[in-house]
Amino acid sequence: MGVFSEAIEVVCSPAGVPLRLLWGGRTYRLAADPVRWYERRKWWEEETRAERGHGPGLVDHEIWRVQARLNGRSALRTLDLAHQVGTGRWRLIRVHDALRESA
């Protein structure tokens, strides 16, 4: 598994659920329903103070795990994406090893 941070373009449904990704100049389509959770971020290392009422997005990151592929025959990729709700920006933060199907 690789951990890093890279900007990525994400196309979402009207409900905010990821549908497609533009990564490395290529379009990936989701192959399964994405999973969402929240992770604490070390906001105090990036911000000088936390304004009252600005907890969501400041304290927690919205994380989506998606399984995506270029086409029906390409390898399935499992990626973790961080969504900054306040700005709408997306970052690719983890690339997991490809799932292997047993024969």
PDB file of N, CA and C in Angstrom:
ATOM      1  N   MET A   1       0.859  -1.177   0.000  1.00  0.00           N
ATOM      2  CA  MET A   1       0.000   0.000   0.000  1.00  0.00           C
ATOM      3  C   MET A   1       0.898   1.230   0.000  1.00  0.00           C
ATOM      4  N   GLY A   2       0.583   2.187  -0.855  1.00  0.00           N
ATOM      5  CA  GLY A   2       1.312   3.440  -0.907  1.00  0.00           C
ATOM      6  C   GLY A   2       0.520   4.560  -0.260  1.00  0.00           C
ATOM      7  N   VAL A   3       1.161   5.383   0.557  1.00  0.00           N
ATOM      8  CA  VAL A   3       0.499   6.506   1.221  1.00  0.00           C
ATOM      9  C   VAL A   3       1.160   7.795   0.733  1.00  0.00           C
ATOM     10  N   PHE A   4       0.361   8.722   0.254  1.00  0.00           N
ATOM     11  CA  PHE A   4       0.871   9.995  -0.238  1.00  0.00           C
ATOM     12  C   PHE A   4      -0.298  10.952  -0.357  1.00  0.00           C
ATOM     13  N   SER A   5      -0.110  12.073  -0.986  1.00  0.00           N
ATOM     14  CA  SER A   5      -1.197  13.033  -1.196  1.00  0.00           C
ATOM     15  C   SER A   5      -1.017  13.663  -2.566  1.00  0.00           C
ATOM     16  N   GLU A   6      -2.019  13.480  -3.405  1.00  0.00           N
ATOM     17  CA  GLU A   6      -1.979  13.988  -4.775  1.00  0.00           C
ATOM     18  C   GLU A   6      -3.376  14.487  -5.138  1.00  0.00           C
ATOM     19  N   ALA A   7      -3.451  15.644  -5.766  1.00  0.00           N
ATOM     20  CA  ALA A   7      -4.756  16.167  -6.200  1.00  0.00           C
ATOM     21  C   ALA A   7      -5.356  15.214  -7.223  1.00  0.00           C
ATOM     22  N   ILE A   8      -6.667  15.036  -7.146  1.00  0.00           N
ATOM     23  CA  ILE A   8      -7.385  14.167  -8.062  1.00  0.00           C
ATOM     24  C   ILE A   8      -8.741  14.803  -8.349  1.00  0.00           C
ATOM     25  N   GLU A   9      -9.238  14.633  -9.554  1.00  0.00           N
ATOM     26  CA  GLU A   9     -10.552  15.166  -9.909  1.00  0.00           C
ATOM     27  C   GLU A   9     -11.582  14.060  -9.733  1.00  0.00           C
ATOM     28  N   VAL A  10     -12.668  14.367  -9.021  1.00  0.00           N
ATOM     29  CA  VAL A  10     -13.709  13.382  -8.742  1.00  0.00           C
ATOM     30  C   VAL A  10     -15.045  13.933  -9.227  1.00  0.00           C
ATOM     31  N   VAL A  11     -15.765  13.139  -9.997  1.00  0.00           N
ATOM     32  CA  VAL A  11     -17.118  13.477 -10.443  1.00  0.00           C
ATOM     33  C   VAL A  11     -18.072  12.730  -9.530  1.00  0.00           C
ATOM     34  N   CYS A  12     -19.005  13.478  -8.921  1.00  0.00           N
ATOM     35  CA  CYS A  12     -19.914  12.900  -7.929  1.00  0.00           C
ATOM     36  C   CYS A  12     -21.363  12.944  -8.394  1.00  0.00           C
ATOM     37  N   SER A  13     -22.167  12.113  -7.762  1.00  0.00           N
ATOM     38  CA  SER A  13     -23.616  12.143  -7.959  1.00  0.00           C
ATOM     39  C   SER A  13     -24.160  13.398  -7.284  1.00  0.00           C
ATOM     40  N   PRO A  14     -25.432  13.750  -7.521  1.00  0.00           N
ATOM     41  CA  PRO A  14     -26.018  14.901  -6.820  1.00  0.00           C
ATOM     42  C   PRO A  14     -25.972  14.758  -5.288  1.00  0.00           C
ATOM     43  N   ALA A  15     -25.913  13.513  -4.798  1.00  0.00           N
ATOM     44  CA  ALA A  15     -25.837  13.274  -3.354  1.00  0.00           C
ATOM     45  C   ALA A  15     -24.411  13.365  -2.823  1.00  0.00           C
ATOM     46  N   GLY A  16     -23.423  13.605  -3.713  1.00  0.00           N
ATOM     47  CA  GLY A  16     -22.038  13.747  -3.280  1.00  0.00           C
ATOM     48  C   GLY A  16     -21.241  12.459  -3.254  1.00  0.00           C
ATOM     49  N   VAL A  17     -21.770  11.388  -3.836  1.00  0.00           N
ATOM     50  CA  VAL A  17     -21.083  10.100  -3.862  1.00  0.00           C
ATOM     51  C   VAL A  17     -20.200  10.025  -5.112  1.00  0.00           C
ATOM     52  N   PRO A  18     -18.923   9.668  -4.968  1.00  0.00           N
ATOM     53  CA  PRO A  18     -18.035   9.568  -6.139  1.00  0.00           C
ATOM     54  C   PRO A  18     -18.566   8.586  -7.192  1.00  0.00           C
ATOM     55  N   LEU A  19     -18.442   8.984  -8.471  1.00  0.00           N
ATOM     56  CA  LEU A  19     -18.851   8.147  -9.596  1.00  0.00           C
ATOM     57  C   LEU A  19     -17.687   7.823 -10.527  1.00  0.00           C
ATOM     58  N   ARG A  20     -16.829   8.830 -10.788  1.00  0.00           N
ATOM     59  CA  ARG A  20     -15.686   8.691 -11.695  1.00  0.00           C
ATOM     60  C   ARG A  20     -14.518   9.490 -11.145  1.00  0.00           C
ATOM     61  N   LEU A  21     -13.307   9.081 -11.551  1.00  0.00           N
ATOM     62  CA  LEU A  21     -12.093   9.763 -11.131  1.00  0.00           C
ATOM     63  C   LEU A  21     -11.270  10.098 -12.357  1.00  0.00           C
ATOM     64  N   LEU A  22     -10.642  11.246 -12.338  1.00  0.00           N
ATOM     65  CA  LEU A  22      -9.666  11.598 -13.360  1.00  0.00           C
ATOM     66  C   LEU A  22      -8.321  11.639 -12.645  1.00  0.00           C
ATOM     67  N   TRP A  23      -7.459  10.653 -12.971  1.00  0.00           N
ATOM     68  CA  TRP A  23      -6.193  10.502 -12.275  1.00  0.00           C
ATOM     69  C   TRP A  23      -5.123  10.169 -13.305  1.00  0.00           C
ATOM     70  N   GLY A  24      -4.067  10.921 -13.321  1.00  0.00           N
ATOM     71  CA  GLY A  24      -2.979  10.681 -14.250  1.00  0.00           C
ATOM     72  C   GLY A  24      -3.398  10.821 -15.703  1.00  0.00           C
ATOM     73  N   GLY A  25      -4.362  11.710 -15.960  1.00  0.00           N
ATOM     74  CA  GLY A  25      -4.828  11.923 -17.324  1.00  0.00           C
ATOM     75  C   GLY A  25      -5.749  10.825 -17.835  1.00  0.00           C
ATOM     76  N   ARG A  26      -6.184   9.923 -16.960  1.00  0.00           N
ATOM     77  CA  ARG A  26      -7.059   8.821 -17.354  1.00  0.00           C
ATOM     78  C   ARG A  26      -8.327   8.838 -16.514  1.00  0.00           C
ATOM     79  N   THR A  27      -9.426   8.393 -17.108  1.00  0.00           N
ATOM     80  CA  THR A  27     -10.703   8.352 -16.402  1.00  0.00           C
ATOM     81  C   THR A  27     -10.969   6.942 -15.884  1.00  0.00           C
ATOM     82  N   TYR A  28     -11.192   6.849 -14.582  1.00  0.00           N
ATOM     83  CA  TYR A  28     -11.513   5.580 -13.922  1.00  0.00           C
ATOM     84  C   TYR A  28     -12.984   5.599 -13.533  1.00  0.00           C
ATOM     85  N   ARG A  29     -13.665   4.480 -13.745  1.00  0.00           N
ATOM     86  CA  ARG A  29     -15.061   4.336 -13.342  1.00  0.00           C
ATOM     87  C   ARG A  29     -15.128   3.422 -12.122  1.00  0.00           C
ATOM     88  N   LEU A  30     -16.023   3.749 -11.199  1.00  0.00           N
ATOM     89  CA  LEU A  30     -16.150   2.935  -9.999  1.00  0.00           C
ATOM     90  C   LEU A  30     -16.753   1.577 -10.350  1.00  0.00           C
ATOM     91  N   ALA A  31     -16.206   0.530  -9.729  1.00  0.00           N
ATOM     92  CA  ALA A  31     -16.641  -0.841  -9.988  1.00  0.00           C
ATOM     93  C   ALA A  31     -17.470  -1.391  -8.827  1.00  0.00           C
ATOM     94  N   ALA A  32     -17.578  -0.636  -7.740  1.00  0.00           N
ATOM     95  CA  ALA A  32     -18.343  -1.050  -6.561  1.00  0.00           C
ATOM     96  C   ALA A  32     -18.793   0.204  -5.831  1.00  0.00           C
ATOM     97  N   ASP A  33     -19.754   0.040  -4.935  1.00  0.00           N
ATOM     98  CA  ASP A  33     -20.210   1.174  -4.137  1.00  0.00           C
ATOM     99  C   ASP A  33     -19.066   1.643  -3.236  1.00  0.00           C
ATOM    100  N   PRO A  34     -18.787   2.947  -3.207  1.00  0.00           N
ATOM    101  CA  PRO A  34     -17.707   3.446  -2.338  1.00  0.00           C
ATOM    102  C   PRO A  34     -18.129   3.404  -0.869  1.00  0.00           C
ATOM    103  N   VAL A  35     -17.127   3.407   0.007  1.00  0.00           N
ATOM    104  CA  VAL A  35     -17.355   3.382   1.453  1.00  0.00           C
ATOM    105  C   VAL A  35     -16.794   4.680   2.026  1.00  0.00           C
ATOM    106  N   ARG A  36     -17.566   5.327   2.919  1.00  0.00           N
ATOM    107  CA  ARG A  36     -17.145   6.605   3.505  1.00  0.00           C
ATOM    108  C   ARG A  36     -16.970   6.474   5.008  1.00  0.00           C
ATOM    109  N   TRP A  37     -15.946   7.161   5.534  1.00  0.00           N
ATOM    110  CA  TRP A  37     -15.748   7.294   6.971  1.00  0.00           C
ATOM    111  C   TRP A  37     -15.002   8.602   7.225  1.00  0.00           C
ATOM    112  N   TYR A  38     -14.744   8.895   8.482  1.00  0.00           N
ATOM    113  CA  TYR A  38     -14.057  10.138   8.850  1.00  0.00           C
ATOM    114  C   TYR A  38     -12.808   9.809   9.656  1.00  0.00           C
ATOM    115  N   GLU A  39     -11.743  10.566   9.417  1.00  0.00           N
ATOM    116  CA  GLU A  39     -10.495  10.419  10.173  1.00  0.00           C
ATOM    117  C   GLU A  39     -10.128  11.755  10.781  1.00  0.00           C
ATOM    118  N   ARG A  40      -9.568  11.700  11.992  1.00  0.00           N
ATOM    119  CA  ARG A  40      -9.077  12.918  12.648  1.00  0.00           C
ATOM    120  C   ARG A  40      -7.855  13.427  11.914  1.00  0.00           C
ATOM    121  N   ARG A  41      -7.765  14.727  11.775  1.00  0.00           N
ATOM    122  CA  ARG A  41      -6.560  15.310  11.203  1.00  0.00           C
ATOM    123  C   ARG A  41      -5.860  16.140  12.264  1.00  0.00           C
ATOM    124  N   LYS A  42      -4.570  16.313  12.116  1.00  0.00           N
ATOM    125  CA  LYS A  42      -3.786  17.105  13.067  1.00  0.00           C
ATOM    126  C   LYS A  42      -3.873  18.572  12.660  1.00  0.00           C
ATOM    127  N   TRP A  43      -5.056  19.156  12.854  1.00  0.00           N
ATOM    128  CA  TRP A  43      -5.318  20.515  12.390  1.00  0.00           C
ATOM    129  C   TRP A  43      -4.400  21.532  13.050  1.00  0.00           C
ATOM    130  N   TRP A  44      -3.986  21.252  14.276  1.00  0.00           N
ATOM    131  CA  TRP A  44      -3.146  22.203  15.006  1.00  0.00           C
ATOM    132  C   TRP A  44      -1.764  22.346  14.374  1.00  0.00           C
ATOM    133  N   GLU A  45      -1.367  21.377  13.512  1.00  0.00           N
ATOM    134  CA  GLU A  45      -0.089  21.494  12.819  1.00  0.00           C
ATOM    135  C   GLU A  45      -0.200  22.379  11.578  1.00  0.00           C
ATOM    136  N   GLU A  46      -1.429  22.616  11.102  1.00  0.00           N
ATOM    137  CA  GLU A  46      -1.654  23.388   9.888  1.00  0.00           C
ATOM    138  C   GLU A  46      -2.344  24.725  10.135  1.00  0.00           C
ATOM    139  N   GLU A  47      -3.057  24.857  11.225  1.00  0.00           N
ATOM    140  CA  GLU A  47      -3.840  26.056  11.528  1.00  0.00           C
ATOM    141  C   GLU A  47      -3.315  26.695  12.808  1.00  0.00           C
ATOM    142  N   THR A  48      -3.402  28.010  12.887  1.00  0.00           N
ATOM    143  CA  THR A  48      -2.977  28.676  14.115  1.00  0.00           C
ATOM    144  C   THR A  48      -4.052  28.625  15.191  1.00  0.00           C
ATOM    145  N   ARG A  49      -5.298  28.544  14.771  1.00  0.00           N
ATOM    146  CA  ARG A  49      -6.405  28.427  15.731  1.00  0.00           C
ATOM    147  C   ARG A  49      -7.630  27.878  15.024  1.00  0.00           C
ATOM    148  N   ALA A  50      -8.568  27.403  15.790  1.00  0.00           N
ATOM    149  CA  ALA A  50      -9.825  26.888  15.257  1.00  0.00           C
ATOM    150  C   ALA A  50     -10.932  27.865  15.617  1.00  0.00           C
ATOM    151  N   GLU A  51     -11.557  28.420  14.600  1.00  0.00           N
ATOM    152  CA  GLU A  51     -12.655  29.349  14.854  1.00  0.00           C
ATOM    153  C   GLU A  51     -13.870  28.598  15.366  1.00  0.00           C
ATOM    154  N   ARG A  52     -14.599  29.234  16.258  1.00  0.00           N
ATOM    155  CA  ARG A  52     -15.808  28.640  16.801  1.00  0.00           C
ATOM    156  C   ARG A  52     -16.790  28.343  15.670  1.00  0.00           C
ATOM    157  N   GLY A  53     -17.373  27.137  15.693  1.00  0.00           N
ATOM    158  CA  GLY A  53     -18.360  26.750  14.694  1.00  0.00           C
ATOM    159  C   GLY A  53     -17.775  26.178  13.412  1.00  0.00           C
ATOM    160  N   HIS A  54     -16.451  26.042  13.331  1.00  0.00           N
ATOM    161  CA  HIS A  54     -15.824  25.503  12.126  1.00  0.00           C
ATOM    162  C   HIS A  54     -15.210  24.125  12.361  1.00  0.00           C
ATOM    163  N   GLY A  55     -15.834  23.307  13.192  1.00  0.00           N
ATOM    164  CA  GLY A  55     -15.308  21.973  13.487  1.00  0.00           C
ATOM    165  C   GLY A  55     -15.348  21.014  12.311  1.00  0.00           C
ATOM    166  N   PRO A  56     -16.530  20.856  11.643  1.00  0.00           N
ATOM    167  CA  PRO A  56     -16.583  19.915  10.524  1.00  0.00           C
ATOM    168  C   PRO A  56     -15.625  20.338   9.418  1.00  0.00           C
ATOM    169  N   GLY A  57     -14.799  19.405   8.967  1.00  0.00           N
ATOM    170  CA  GLY A  57     -13.824  19.712   7.938  1.00  0.00           C
ATOM    171  C   GLY A  57     -12.503  20.193   8.506  1.00  0.00           C
ATOM    172  N   LEU A  58     -12.541  20.825   9.665  1.00  0.00           N
ATOM    173  CA  LEU A  58     -11.304  21.278  10.303  1.00  0.00           C
ATOM    174  C   LEU A  58     -10.711  20.145  11.132  1.00  0.00           C
ATOM    175  N   VAL A  59     -11.548  19.488  11.912  1.00  0.00           N
ATOM    176  CA  VAL A  59     -11.095  18.441  12.816  1.00  0.00           C
ATOM    177  C   VAL A  59     -11.043  17.084  12.118  1.00  0.00           C
ATOM    178  N   ASP A  60     -12.021  16.797  11.272  1.00  0.00           N
ATOM    179  CA  ASP A  60     -12.117  15.500  10.620  1.00  0.00           C
ATOM    180  C   ASP A  60     -12.004  15.617   9.108  1.00  0.00           C
ATOM    181  N   HIS A  61     -11.390  14.608   8.491  1.00  0.00           N
ATOM    182  CA  HIS A  61     -11.358  14.466   7.040  1.00  0.00           C
ATOM    183  C   HIS A  61     -12.457  13.488   6.637  1.00  0.00           C
ATOM    184  N   GLU A  62     -13.136  13.775   5.560  1.00  0.00           N
ATOM    185  CA  GLU A  62     -14.059  12.812   4.971  1.00  0.00           C
ATOM    186  C   GLU A  62     -13.225  11.934   4.042  1.00  0.00           C
ATOM    187  N   ILE A  63     -13.240  10.627   4.274  1.00  0.00           N
ATOM    188  CA  ILE A  63     -12.446   9.683   3.489  1.00  0.00           C
ATOM    189  C   ILE A  63     -13.398   8.752   2.740  1.00  0.00           C
ATOM    190  N   TRP A  64     -13.086   8.522   1.469  1.00  0.00           N
ATOM    191  CA  TRP A  64     -13.848   7.572   0.643  1.00  0.00           C
ATOM    192  C   TRP A  64     -12.893   6.503   0.139  1.00  0.00           C
ATOM    193  N   ARG A  65     -13.258   5.237   0.306  1.00  0.00           N
ATOM    194  CA  ARG A  65     -12.514   4.135  -0.321  1.00  0.00           C
ATOM    195  C   ARG A  65     -13.308   3.713  -1.549  1.00  0.00           C
ATOM    196  N   VAL A  66     -12.630   3.752  -2.686  1.00  0.00           N
ATOM    197  CA  VAL A  66     -13.284   3.409  -3.947  1.00  0.00           C
ATOM    198  C   VAL A  66     -12.519   2.284  -4.631  1.00  0.00           C
ATOM    199  N   GLN A  67     -13.247   1.488  -5.390  1.00  0.00           N
ATOM    200  CA  GLN A  67     -12.649   0.487  -6.262  1.00  0.00           C
ATOM    201  C   GLN A  67     -12.998   0.912  -7.674  1.00  0.00           C
ATOM    202  N   ALA A  68     -11.964   1.135  -8.483  1.00  0.00           N
ATOM    203  CA  ALA A  68     -12.179   1.703  -9.806  1.00  0.00           C
ATOM    204  C   ALA A  68     -11.297   1.002 -10.827  1.00  0.00           C
ATOM    205  N   ARG A  69     -11.718   1.104 -12.099  1.00  0.00           N
ATOM    206  CA  ARG A  69     -10.933   0.545 -13.199  1.00  0.00           C
ATOM    207  C   ARG A  69     -11.126   1.403 -14.424  1.00  0.00           C
ATOM    208  N   LEU A  70     -10.184   1.286 -15.358  1.00  0.00           N
ATOM    209  CA  LEU A  70     -10.248   2.057 -16.597  1.00  0.00           C
ATOM    210  C   LEU A  70     -11.347   1.544 -17.514  1.00  0.00           C
ATOM    211  N   ASN A  71     -11.481   0.224 -17.599  1.00  0.00           N
ATOM    212  CA  ASN A  71     -12.522  -0.394 -18.430  1.00  0.00           C
ATOM    213  C   ASN A  71     -12.838  -1.767 -17.855  1.00  0.00           C
ATOM    214  N   GLY A  72     -13.733  -2.501 -18.500  1.00  0.00           N
ATOM    215  CA  GLY A  72     -14.171  -3.789 -17.981  1.00  0.00           C
ATOM    216  C   GLY A  72     -13.097  -4.854 -17.901  1.00  0.00           C
ATOM    217  N   ARG A  73     -11.994  -4.691 -18.636  1.00  0.00           N
ATOM    218  CA  ARG A  73     -10.921  -5.692 -18.644  1.00  0.00           C
ATOM    219  C   ARG A  73      -9.695  -5.263 -17.840  1.00  0.00           C
ATOM    220  N   SER A  74      -9.657  -4.025 -17.412  1.00  0.00           N
ATOM    221  CA  SER A  74      -8.459  -3.526 -16.724  1.00  0.00           C
ATOM    222  C   SER A  74      -8.445  -3.951 -15.250  1.00  0.00           C
ATOM    223  N   ALA A  75      -7.278  -3.830 -14.653  1.00  0.00           N
ATOM    224  CA  ALA A  75      -7.101  -4.202 -13.249  1.00  0.00           C
ATOM    225  C   ALA A  75      -7.933  -3.300 -12.339  1.00  0.00           C
ATOM    226  N   LEU A  76      -8.451  -3.884 -11.299  1.00  0.00           N
ATOM    227  CA  LEU A  76      -9.214  -3.158 -10.294  1.00  0.00           C
ATOM    228  C   LEU A  76      -8.237  -2.470  -9.343  1.00  0.00           C
ATOM    229  N   ARG A  77      -8.440  -1.179  -9.111  1.00  0.00           N
ATOM    230  CA  ARG A  77      -7.597  -0.406  -8.188  1.00  0.00           C
ATOM    231  C   ARG A  77      -8.435  -0.022  -6.978  1.00  0.00           C
ATOM    232  N   THR A  78      -7.866  -0.146  -5.777  1.00  0.00           N
ATOM    233  CA  THR A  78      -8.520   0.292  -4.556  1.00  0.00           C
ATOM    234  C   THR A  78      -7.781   1.531  -4.067  1.00  0.00           C
ATOM    235  N   LEU A  79      -8.515   2.634  -3.961  1.00  0.00           N
ATOM    236  CA  LEU A  79      -7.937   3.936  -3.646  1.00  0.00           C
ATOM    237  C   LEU A  79      -8.685   4.575  -2.478  1.00  0.00           C
ATOM    238  N   ASP A  80      -7.974   5.299  -1.638  1.00  0.00           N
ATOM    239  CA  ASP A  80      -8.591   6.103  -0.587  1.00  0.00           C
ATOM    240  C   ASP A  80      -8.458   7.564  -0.983  1.00  0.00           C
ATOM    241  N   LEU A  81      -9.569   8.278  -0.920  1.00  0.00           N
ATOM    242  CA  LEU A  81      -9.634   9.683  -1.300  1.00  0.00           C
ATOM    243  C   LEU A  81     -10.053  10.514  -0.100  1.00  0.00           C
ATOM    244  N   ALA A  82      -9.400  11.642   0.112  1.00  0.00           N
ATOM    245  CA  ALA A  82      -9.800  12.586   1.157  1.00  0.00           C
ATOM    246  C   ALA A  82     -10.543  13.726   0.483  1.00  0.00           C
ATOM    247  N   HIS A  83     -11.713  14.057   1.021  1.00  0.00           N
ATOM    248  CA  HIS A  83     -12.534  15.146   0.487  1.00  0.00           C
ATOM    249  C   HIS A  83     -12.549  16.285   1.487  1.00  0.00           C
ATOM    250  N   GLN A  84     -12.125  17.469   1.050  1.00  0.00           N
ATOM    251  CA  GLN A  84     -12.195  18.661   1.895  1.00  0.00           C
ATOM    252  C   GLN A  84     -13.535  19.325   1.610  1.00  0.00           C
ATOM    253  N   VAL A  85     -14.475  19.104   2.497  1.00  0.00           N
ATOM    254  CA  VAL A  85     -15.857  19.539   2.278  1.00  0.00           C
ATOM    255  C   VAL A  85     -15.944  21.041   2.068  1.00  0.00           C
ATOM    256  N   GLY A  86     -15.205  21.813   2.824  1.00  0.00           N
ATOM    257  CA  GLY A  86     -15.283  23.275   2.724  1.00  0.00           C
ATOM    258  C   GLY A  86     -14.856  23.822   1.377  1.00  0.00           C
ATOM    259  N   THR A  87     -13.850  23.215   0.770  1.00  0.00           N
ATOM    260  CA  THR A  87     -13.324  23.709  -0.501  1.00  0.00           C
ATOM    261  C   THR A  87     -13.768  22.878  -1.691  1.00  0.00           C
ATOM    262  N   GLY A  88     -14.249  21.660  -1.432  1.00  0.00           N
ATOM    263  CA  GLY A  88     -14.636  20.758  -2.516  1.00  0.00           C
ATOM    264  C   GLY A  88     -13.452  20.046  -3.147  1.00  0.00           C
ATOM    265  N   ARG A  89     -12.244  20.241  -2.606  1.00  0.00           N
ATOM    266  CA  ARG A  89     -11.051  19.607  -3.170  1.00  0.00           C
ATOM    267  C   ARG A  89     -10.965  18.144  -2.756  1.00  0.00           C
ATOM    268  N   TRP A  90     -10.397  17.346  -3.650  1.00  0.00           N
ATOM    269  CA  TRP A  90     -10.178  15.921  -3.408  1.00  0.00           C
ATOM    270  C   TRP A  90      -8.687  15.632  -3.496  1.00  0.00           C
ATOM    271  N   ARG A  91      -8.212  14.707  -2.654  1.00  0.00           N
ATOM    272  CA  ARG A  91      -6.815  14.268  -2.689  1.00  0.00           C
ATOM    273  C   ARG A  91      -6.786  12.744  -2.640  1.00  0.00           C
ATOM    274  N   LEU A  92      -5.947  12.170  -3.464  1.00  0.00           N
ATOM    275  CA  LEU A  92      -5.684  10.738  -3.409  1.00  0.00           C
ATOM    276  C   LEU A  92      -4.644  10.535  -2.324  1.00  0.00           C
ATOM    277  N   ILE A  93      -4.986   9.744  -1.295  1.00  0.00           N
ATOM    278  CA  ILE A  93      -4.076   9.612  -0.161  1.00  0.00           C
ATOM    279  C   ILE A  93      -3.507   8.201   0.009  1.00  0.00           C
ATOM    280  N   ARG A  94      -4.157   7.180  -0.558  1.00  0.00           N
ATOM    281  CA  ARG A  94      -3.641   5.814  -0.448  1.00  0.00           C
ATOM    282  C   ARG A  94      -3.989   5.026  -1.700  1.00  0.00           C
ATOM    283  N   VAL A  95      -3.035   4.218  -2.145  1.00  0.00           N
ATOM    284  CA  VAL A  95      -3.280   3.262  -3.213  1.00  0.00           C
ATOM    285  C   VAL A  95      -2.990   1.889  -2.625  1.00  0.00           C
ATOM    286  N   HIS A  96      -4.005   1.046  -2.594  1.00  0.00           N
ATOM    287  CA  HIS A  96      -3.861  -0.290  -2.022  1.00  0.00           C
ATOM    288  C   HIS A  96      -3.408  -1.269  -3.099  1.00  0.00           C
ATOM    289  N   ASP A  97      -2.801  -2.363  -2.681  1.00  0.00           N
ATOM    290  CA  ASP A  97      -2.418  -3.410  -3.627  1.00  0.00           C
ATOM    291  C   ASP A  97      -3.660  -3.913  -4.336  1.00  0.00           C
ATOM    292  N   ALA A  98      -3.508  -4.331  -5.572  1.00  0.00           N
ATOM    293  CA  ALA A  98      -4.636  -4.861  -6.356  1.00  0.00           C
ATOM    294  C   ALA A  98      -5.183  -6.118  -5.693  1.00  0.00           C
ATOM    295  N   LEU A  99      -6.501  -6.261  -5.724  1.00  0.00           N
ATOM    296  CA  LEU A  99      -7.129  -7.478  -5.211  1.00  0.00           C
ATOM    297  C   LEU A  99      -6.853  -8.611  -6.186  1.00  0.00           C
ATOM    298  N   ARG A 100      -6.564  -9.761  -5.653  1.00  0.00           N
ATOM    299  CA  ARG A 100      -6.304 -10.916  -6.508  1.00  0.00           C
ATOM    300  C   ARG A 100      -7.441 -11.914  -6.335  1.00  0.00           C
ATOM    301  N   GLU A 101      -8.006 -12.338  -7.436  1.00  0.00           N
ATOM    302  CA  GLU A 101      -9.070 -13.342  -7.376  1.00  0.00           C
ATOM    303  C   GLU A 101      -8.439 -14.720  -7.317  1.00  0.00           C
ATOM    304  N   SER A 102      -9.004 -15.571  -6.461  1.00  0.00           N
ATOM    305  CA  SER A 102      -8.468 -16.935  -6.377  1.00  0.00           C
ATOM    306  C   SER A 102      -9.014 -17.759  -7.542  1.00  0.00           C
ATOM    307  N   ALA A 103      -8.177 -18.649  -8.042  1.00  0.00           N
ATOM    308  CA  ALA A 103      -8.562 -19.466  -9.203  1.00  0.00           C
ATOM    309  C   ALA A 103      -9.306 -20.704  -8.762  1.00  0.00           C
TER     310      ALA A 103
END
